[in-house]
Amino acid sequence: MISSLDLLAPQSKIFIDTNIFLYGAMDYSKYRATCRTFLQNIESGTYFAATSVQVLNEIVHKLILAETTKTYRLRS
């Protein structure tokens, strides 16, 4: 298993799980910059990537929870 996104070989085939997207989108993650760079590398063709409908559902669910928590000042 690779422990760093920086160690992936170009043209690798990758499955992207929920956290990569969330870390790239959320302001508070210490992994934000790394995940954003990784997603940009996928967009530019450096890596071949796929995800699933389940992952997309999890992302939407987590973003809705985060927005609701922020809007209504709920404890997370």
PDB file of N, CA and C in Angstrom:
ATOM      1  N   MET A   1       0.844  -1.191   0.000  1.00  0.00           N
ATOM      2  CA  MET A   1       0.000   0.000   0.000  1.00  0.00           C
ATOM      3  C   MET A   1       0.881   1.244   0.000  1.00  0.00           C
ATOM      4  N   ILE A   2       0.525   2.223  -0.769  1.00  0.00           N
ATOM      5  CA  ILE A   2       1.283   3.471  -0.848  1.00  0.00           C
ATOM      6  C   ILE A   2       0.805   4.403   0.261  1.00  0.00           C
ATOM      7  N   SER A   3       1.754   4.984   0.983  1.00  0.00           N
ATOM      8  CA  SER A   3       1.397   5.821   2.131  1.00  0.00           C
ATOM      9  C   SER A   3       1.311   7.304   1.791  1.00  0.00           C
ATOM     10  N   SER A   4       1.640   7.681   0.576  1.00  0.00           N
ATOM     11  CA  SER A   4       1.599   9.087   0.194  1.00  0.00           C
ATOM     12  C   SER A   4       1.128   9.216  -1.250  1.00  0.00           C
ATOM     13  N   LEU A   5       0.280  10.183  -1.498  1.00  0.00           N
ATOM     14  CA  LEU A   5      -0.189  10.413  -2.866  1.00  0.00           C
ATOM     15  C   LEU A   5       0.951  10.792  -3.789  1.00  0.00           C
ATOM     16  N   ASP A   6       2.015  11.373  -3.222  1.00  0.00           N
ATOM     17  CA  ASP A   6       3.155  11.792  -4.028  1.00  0.00           C
ATOM     18  C   ASP A   6       3.945  10.614  -4.590  1.00  0.00           C
ATOM     19  N   LEU A   7       3.745   9.419  -4.038  1.00  0.00           N
ATOM     20  CA  LEU A   7       4.506   8.250  -4.470  1.00  0.00           C
ATOM     21  C   LEU A   7       3.820   7.440  -5.566  1.00  0.00           C
ATOM     22  N   LEU A   8       2.631   7.861  -5.966  1.00  0.00           N
ATOM     23  CA  LEU A   8       1.930   7.142  -7.029  1.00  0.00           C
ATOM     24  C   LEU A   8       2.628   7.332  -8.369  1.00  0.00           C
ATOM     25  N   ALA A   9       2.761   6.248  -9.083  1.00  0.00           N
ATOM     26  CA  ALA A   9       3.373   6.311 -10.409  1.00  0.00           C
ATOM     27  C   ALA A   9       2.407   6.953 -11.394  1.00  0.00           C
ATOM     28  N   PRO A  10       2.917   7.781 -12.301  1.00  0.00           N
ATOM     29  CA  PRO A  10       2.044   8.349 -13.341  1.00  0.00           C
ATOM     30  C   PRO A  10       1.330   7.232 -14.095  1.00  0.00           C
ATOM     31  N   GLN A  11       0.134   7.518 -14.551  1.00  0.00           N
ATOM     32  CA  GLN A  11      -0.732   6.593 -15.282  1.00  0.00           C
ATOM     33  C   GLN A  11      -1.293   5.467 -14.411  1.00  0.00           C
ATOM     34  N   SER A  12      -1.166   5.601 -13.090  1.00  0.00           N
ATOM     35  CA  SER A  12      -1.762   4.625 -12.173  1.00  0.00           C
ATOM     36  C   SER A  12      -3.279   4.667 -12.287  1.00  0.00           C
ATOM     37  N   LYS A  13      -3.897   3.507 -12.094  1.00  0.00           N
ATOM     38  CA  LYS A  13      -5.357   3.423 -12.040  1.00  0.00           C
ATOM     39  C   LYS A  13      -5.755   3.446 -10.575  1.00  0.00           C
ATOM     40  N   ILE A  14      -6.636   4.393 -10.216  1.00  0.00           N
ATOM     41  CA  ILE A  14      -6.916   4.677  -8.817  1.00  0.00           C
ATOM     42  C   ILE A  14      -8.417   4.755  -8.579  1.00  0.00           C
ATOM     43  N   PHE A  15      -8.848   4.207  -7.427  1.00  0.00           N
ATOM     44  CA  PHE A  15     -10.206   4.405  -6.951  1.00  0.00           C
ATOM     45  C   PHE A  15     -10.155   5.517  -5.915  1.00  0.00           C
ATOM     46  N   ILE A  16     -11.009   6.526  -6.063  1.00  0.00           N
ATOM     47  CA  ILE A  16     -11.008   7.660  -5.137  1.00  0.00           C
ATOM     48  C   ILE A  16     -12.155   7.502  -4.148  1.00  0.00           C
ATOM     49  N   ASP A  17     -11.812   7.457  -2.872  1.00  0.00           N
ATOM     50  CA  ASP A  17     -12.809   7.331  -1.827  1.00  0.00           C
ATOM     51  C   ASP A  17     -13.245   8.715  -1.340  1.00  0.00           C
ATOM     52  N   THR A  18     -14.219   8.732  -0.490  1.00  0.00           N
ATOM     53  CA  THR A  18     -14.877   9.954  -0.018  1.00  0.00           C
ATOM     54  C   THR A  18     -13.912  10.987   0.543  1.00  0.00           C
ATOM     55  N   ASN A  19     -12.990  10.567   1.383  1.00  0.00           N
ATOM     56  CA  ASN A  19     -12.133  11.520   2.091  1.00  0.00           C
ATOM     57  C   ASN A  19     -11.278  12.379   1.167  1.00  0.00           C
ATOM     58  N   ILE A  20     -10.843  11.844   0.059  1.00  0.00           N
ATOM     59  CA  ILE A  20     -10.032  12.640  -0.869  1.00  0.00           C
ATOM     60  C   ILE A  20     -10.836  13.857  -1.344  1.00  0.00           C
ATOM     61  N   PHE A  21     -12.074  13.627  -1.727  1.00  0.00           N
ATOM     62  CA  PHE A  21     -12.924  14.732  -2.172  1.00  0.00           C
ATOM     63  C   PHE A  21     -13.223  15.696  -1.028  1.00  0.00           C
ATOM     64  N   LEU A  22     -13.577  15.153   0.129  1.00  0.00           N
ATOM     65  CA  LEU A  22     -13.924  16.014   1.263  1.00  0.00           C
ATOM     66  C   LEU A  22     -12.729  16.818   1.747  1.00  0.00           C
ATOM     67  N   TYR A  23     -11.579  16.189   1.870  1.00  0.00           N
ATOM     68  CA  TYR A  23     -10.380  16.920   2.311  1.00  0.00           C
ATOM     69  C   TYR A  23     -10.035  18.025   1.322  1.00  0.00           C
ATOM     70  N   GLY A  24     -10.258  17.780   0.034  1.00  0.00           N
ATOM     71  CA  GLY A  24      -9.987  18.798  -0.968  1.00  0.00           C
ATOM     72  C   GLY A  24     -10.968  19.955  -0.922  1.00  0.00           C
ATOM     73  N   ALA A  25     -12.197  19.679  -0.457  1.00  0.00           N
ATOM     74  CA  ALA A  25     -13.238  20.704  -0.459  1.00  0.00           C
ATOM     75  C   ALA A  25     -13.344  21.496   0.837  1.00  0.00           C
ATOM     76  N   MET A  26     -13.012  20.881   1.936  1.00  0.00           N
ATOM     77  CA  MET A  26     -13.227  21.504   3.240  1.00  0.00           C
ATOM     78  C   MET A  26     -12.015  22.344   3.651  1.00  0.00           C
ATOM     79  N   ASP A  27     -12.274  23.492   4.211  1.00  0.00           N
ATOM     80  CA  ASP A  27     -11.211  24.429   4.577  1.00  0.00           C
ATOM     81  C   ASP A  27     -10.360  23.983   5.757  1.00  0.00           C
ATOM     82  N   TYR A  28     -10.887  23.144   6.618  1.00  0.00           N
ATOM     83  CA  TYR A  28     -10.202  22.839   7.856  1.00  0.00           C
ATOM     84  C   TYR A  28      -9.262  21.632   7.796  1.00  0.00           C
ATOM     85  N   SER A  29      -9.150  20.988   6.695  1.00  0.00           N
ATOM     86  CA  SER A  29      -8.332  19.788   6.605  1.00  0.00           C
ATOM     87  C   SER A  29      -6.865  20.106   6.377  1.00  0.00           C
ATOM     88  N   LYS A  30      -6.004  19.436   7.117  1.00  0.00           N
ATOM     89  CA  LYS A  30      -4.564  19.609   6.905  1.00  0.00           C
ATOM     90  C   LYS A  30      -4.116  18.949   5.596  1.00  0.00           C
ATOM     91  N   TYR A  31      -4.988  18.126   5.005  1.00  0.00           N
ATOM     92  CA  TYR A  31      -4.667  17.445   3.749  1.00  0.00           C
ATOM     93  C   TYR A  31      -5.223  18.169   2.528  1.00  0.00           C
ATOM     94  N   ARG A  32      -5.812  19.330   2.724  1.00  0.00           N
ATOM     95  CA  ARG A  32      -6.507  20.026   1.636  1.00  0.00           C
ATOM     96  C   ARG A  32      -5.604  20.257   0.413  1.00  0.00           C
ATOM     97  N   ALA A  33      -4.444  20.835   0.623  1.00  0.00           N
ATOM     98  CA  ALA A  33      -3.565  21.165  -0.505  1.00  0.00           C
ATOM     99  C   ALA A  33      -3.130  19.899  -1.255  1.00  0.00           C
ATOM    100  N   THR A  34      -2.776  18.865  -0.521  1.00  0.00           N
ATOM    101  CA  THR A  34      -2.346  17.608  -1.144  1.00  0.00           C
ATOM    102  C   THR A  34      -3.470  16.992  -1.956  1.00  0.00           C
ATOM    103  N   CYS A  35      -4.672  16.974  -1.395  1.00  0.00           N
ATOM    104  CA  CYS A  35      -5.811  16.386  -2.103  1.00  0.00           C
ATOM    105  C   CYS A  35      -6.198  17.201  -3.330  1.00  0.00           C
ATOM    106  N   ARG A  36      -6.133  18.513  -3.213  1.00  0.00           N
ATOM    107  CA  ARG A  36      -6.457  19.356  -4.374  1.00  0.00           C
ATOM    108  C   ARG A  36      -5.448  19.134  -5.507  1.00  0.00           C
ATOM    109  N   THR A  37      -4.192  19.059  -5.165  1.00  0.00           N
ATOM    110  CA  THR A  37      -3.159  18.792  -6.177  1.00  0.00           C
ATOM    111  C   THR A  37      -3.391  17.430  -6.820  1.00  0.00           C
ATOM    112  N   PHE A  38      -3.710  16.447  -5.996  1.00  0.00           N
ATOM    113  CA  PHE A  38      -3.988  15.102  -6.490  1.00  0.00           C
ATOM    114  C   PHE A  38      -5.168  15.107  -7.457  1.00  0.00           C
ATOM    115  N   LEU A  39      -6.251  15.768  -7.100  1.00  0.00           N
ATOM    116  CA  LEU A  39      -7.420  15.843  -7.981  1.00  0.00           C
ATOM    117  C   LEU A  39      -7.110  16.609  -9.271  1.00  0.00           C
ATOM    118  N   GLN A  40      -6.284  17.636  -9.178  1.00  0.00           N
ATOM    119  CA  GLN A  40      -5.866  18.361 -10.383  1.00  0.00           C
ATOM    120  C   GLN A  40      -5.015  17.463 -11.279  1.00  0.00           C
ATOM    121  N   ASN A  41      -4.188  16.622 -10.688  1.00  0.00           N
ATOM    122  CA  ASN A  41      -3.386  15.671 -11.472  1.00  0.00           C
ATOM    123  C   ASN A  41      -4.278  14.662 -12.196  1.00  0.00           C
ATOM    124  N   ILE A  42      -5.352  14.262 -11.562  1.00  0.00           N
ATOM    125  CA  ILE A  42      -6.307  13.366 -12.224  1.00  0.00           C
ATOM    126  C   ILE A  42      -6.965  14.099 -13.394  1.00  0.00           C
ATOM    127  N   GLU A  43      -7.386  15.318 -13.143  1.00  0.00           N
ATOM    128  CA  GLU A  43      -8.036  16.112 -14.192  1.00  0.00           C
ATOM    129  C   GLU A  43      -7.113  16.321 -15.395  1.00  0.00           C
ATOM    130  N   SER A  44      -5.823  16.486 -15.137  1.00  0.00           N
ATOM    131  CA  SER A  44      -4.877  16.723 -16.234  1.00  0.00           C
ATOM    132  C   SER A  44      -4.416  15.437 -16.914  1.00  0.00           C
ATOM    133  N   GLY A  45      -4.840  14.276 -16.402  1.00  0.00           N
ATOM    134  CA  GLY A  45      -4.496  13.015 -17.057  1.00  0.00           C
ATOM    135  C   GLY A  45      -3.278  12.313 -16.499  1.00  0.00           C
ATOM    136  N   THR A  46      -2.717  12.811 -15.423  1.00  0.00           N
ATOM    137  CA  THR A  46      -1.549  12.149 -14.823  1.00  0.00           C
ATOM    138  C   THR A  46      -1.924  10.772 -14.290  1.00  0.00           C
ATOM    139  N   TYR A  47      -3.131  10.647 -13.726  1.00  0.00           N
ATOM    140  CA  TYR A  47      -3.634   9.380 -13.197  1.00  0.00           C
ATOM    141  C   TYR A  47      -4.981   9.083 -13.826  1.00  0.00           C
ATOM    142  N   PHE A  48      -5.337   7.811 -13.847  1.00  0.00           N
ATOM    143  CA  PHE A  48      -6.665   7.383 -14.265  1.00  0.00           C
ATOM    144  C   PHE A  48      -7.439   7.060 -12.999  1.00  0.00           C
ATOM    145  N   ALA A  49      -8.588   7.658 -12.829  1.00  0.00           N
ATOM    146  CA  ALA A  49      -9.320   7.498 -11.574  1.00  0.00           C
ATOM    147  C   ALA A  49     -10.786   7.201 -11.812  1.00  0.00           C
ATOM    148  N   ALA A  50     -11.358   6.544 -10.799  1.00  0.00           N
ATOM    149  CA  ALA A  50     -12.789   6.250 -10.792  1.00  0.00           C
ATOM    150  C   ALA A  50     -13.282   6.350  -9.359  1.00  0.00           C
ATOM    151  N   THR A  51     -14.578   6.487  -9.234  1.00  0.00           N
ATOM    152  CA  THR A  51     -15.214   6.474  -7.923  1.00  0.00           C
ATOM    153  C   THR A  51     -16.541   5.743  -8.083  1.00  0.00           C
ATOM    154  N   SER A  52     -17.381   5.775  -7.075  1.00  0.00           N
ATOM    155  CA  SER A  52     -18.650   5.051  -7.143  1.00  0.00           C
ATOM    156  C   SER A  52     -19.811   5.963  -6.763  1.00  0.00           C
ATOM    157  N   VAL A  53     -20.996   5.506  -7.055  1.00  0.00           N
ATOM    158  CA  VAL A  53     -22.196   6.238  -6.663  1.00  0.00           C
ATOM    159  C   VAL A  53     -22.267   6.330  -5.143  1.00  0.00           C
ATOM    160  N   GLN A  54     -21.883   5.274  -4.458  1.00  0.00           N
ATOM    161  CA  GLN A  54     -21.900   5.303  -2.992  1.00  0.00           C
ATOM    162  C   GLN A  54     -20.999   6.410  -2.449  1.00  0.00           C
ATOM    163  N   VAL A  55     -19.809   6.560  -3.029  1.00  0.00           N
ATOM    164  CA  VAL A  55     -18.895   7.625  -2.610  1.00  0.00           C
ATOM    165  C   VAL A  55     -19.530   8.985  -2.855  1.00  0.00           C
ATOM    166  N   LEU A  56     -20.129   9.177  -4.008  1.00  0.00           N
ATOM    167  CA  LEU A  56     -20.781  10.460  -4.306  1.00  0.00           C
ATOM    168  C   LEU A  56     -21.917  10.745  -3.333  1.00  0.00           C
ATOM    169  N   ASN A  57     -22.689   9.724  -2.973  1.00  0.00           N
ATOM    170  CA  ASN A  57     -23.750   9.900  -1.978  1.00  0.00           C
ATOM    171  C   ASN A  57     -23.179  10.290  -0.620  1.00  0.00           C
ATOM    172  N   GLU A  58     -22.077   9.665  -0.217  1.00  0.00           N
ATOM    173  CA  GLU A  58     -21.432  10.004   1.053  1.00  0.00           C
ATOM    174  C   GLU A  58     -20.941  11.447   1.056  1.00  0.00           C
ATOM    175  N   ILE A  59     -20.376  11.895  -0.060  1.00  0.00           N
ATOM    176  CA  ILE A  59     -19.881  13.268  -0.167  1.00  0.00           C
ATOM    177  C   ILE A  59     -21.031  14.256   0.015  1.00  0.00           C
ATOM    178  N   VAL A  60     -22.118  14.042  -0.711  1.00  0.00           N
ATOM    179  CA  VAL A  60     -23.272  14.939  -0.606  1.00  0.00           C
ATOM    180  C   VAL A  60     -23.807  14.937   0.824  1.00  0.00           C
ATOM    181  N   HIS A  61     -23.925  13.773   1.417  1.00  0.00           N
ATOM    182  CA  HIS A  61     -24.419  13.666   2.790  1.00  0.00           C
ATOM    183  C   HIS A  61     -23.534  14.444   3.759  1.00  0.00           C
ATOM    184  N   LYS A  62     -22.226  14.266   3.681  1.00  0.00           N
ATOM    185  CA  LYS A  62     -21.292  14.956   4.587  1.00  0.00           C
ATOM    186  C   LYS A  62     -21.319  16.467   4.374  1.00  0.00           C
ATOM    187  N   LEU A  63     -21.413  16.912   3.132  1.00  0.00           N
ATOM    188  CA  LEU A  63     -21.466  18.348   2.863  1.00  0.00           C
ATOM    189  C   LEU A  63     -22.769  18.960   3.382  1.00  0.00           C
ATOM    190  N   ILE A  64     -23.882  18.234   3.248  1.00  0.00           N
ATOM    191  CA  ILE A  64     -25.152  18.721   3.797  1.00  0.00           C
ATOM    192  C   ILE A  64     -25.061  18.816   5.312  1.00  0.00           C
ATOM    193  N   LEU A  65     -24.494  17.801   5.963  1.00  0.00           N
ATOM    194  CA  LEU A  65     -24.325  17.843   7.417  1.00  0.00           C
ATOM    195  C   LEU A  65     -23.450  19.016   7.845  1.00  0.00           C
ATOM    196  N   ALA A  66     -22.358  19.230   7.130  1.00  0.00           N
ATOM    197  CA  ALA A  66     -21.452  20.332   7.477  1.00  0.00           C
ATOM    198  C   ALA A  66     -22.152  21.677   7.331  1.00  0.00           C
ATOM    199  N   GLU A  67     -22.893  21.859   6.264  1.00  0.00           N
ATOM    200  CA  GLU A  67     -23.596  23.120   6.037  1.00  0.00           C
ATOM    201  C   GLU A  67     -24.701  23.334   7.069  1.00  0.00           C
ATOM    202  N   THR A  68     -25.431  22.289   7.381  1.00  0.00           N
ATOM    203  CA  THR A  68     -26.496  22.384   8.387  1.00  0.00           C
ATOM    204  C   THR A  68     -25.915  22.720   9.754  1.00  0.00           C
ATOM    205  N   THR A  69     -24.836  22.058  10.112  1.00  0.00           N
ATOM    206  CA  THR A  69     -24.174  22.316  11.392  1.00  0.00           C
ATOM    207  C   THR A  69     -23.714  23.763  11.479  1.00  0.00           C
ATOM    208  N   LYS A  70     -23.155  24.268  10.393  1.00  0.00           N
ATOM    209  CA  LYS A  70     -22.673  25.649  10.361  1.00  0.00           C
ATOM    210  C   LYS A  70     -23.841  26.645  10.393  1.00  0.00           C
ATOM    211  N   THR A  71     -24.843  26.414   9.576  1.00  0.00           N
ATOM    212  CA  THR A  71     -25.964  27.343   9.462  1.00  0.00           C
ATOM    213  C   THR A  71     -26.737  27.477  10.768  1.00  0.00           C
ATOM    214  N   TYR A  72     -26.974  26.350  11.410  1.00  0.00           N
ATOM    215  CA  TYR A  72     -27.800  26.361  12.619  1.00  0.00           C
ATOM    216  C   TYR A  72     -26.972  26.309  13.914  1.00  0.00           C
ATOM    217  N   ARG A  73     -25.674  26.508  13.759  1.00  0.00           N
ATOM    218  CA  ARG A  73     -24.735  26.541  14.897  1.00  0.00           C
ATOM    219  C   ARG A  73     -24.917  25.337  15.825  1.00  0.00           C
ATOM    220  N   LEU A  74     -24.967  24.167  15.206  1.00  0.00           N
ATOM    221  CA  LEU A  74     -25.106  22.922  15.963  1.00  0.00           C
ATOM    222  C   LEU A  74     -23.719  22.404  16.352  1.00  0.00           C
ATOM    223  N   ARG A  75     -23.675  21.639  17.399  1.00  0.00           N
ATOM    224  CA  ARG A  75     -22.403  21.006  17.780  1.00  0.00           C
ATOM    225  C   ARG A  75     -22.197  19.797  16.907  1.00  0.00           C
ATOM    226  N   SER A  76     -20.991  19.616  16.437  1.00  0.00           N
ATOM    227  CA  SER A  76     -20.726  18.458  15.588  1.00  0.00           C
ATOM    228  C   SER A  76     -20.152  17.312  16.376  1.00  0.00           C
TER     229      SER A  76
END
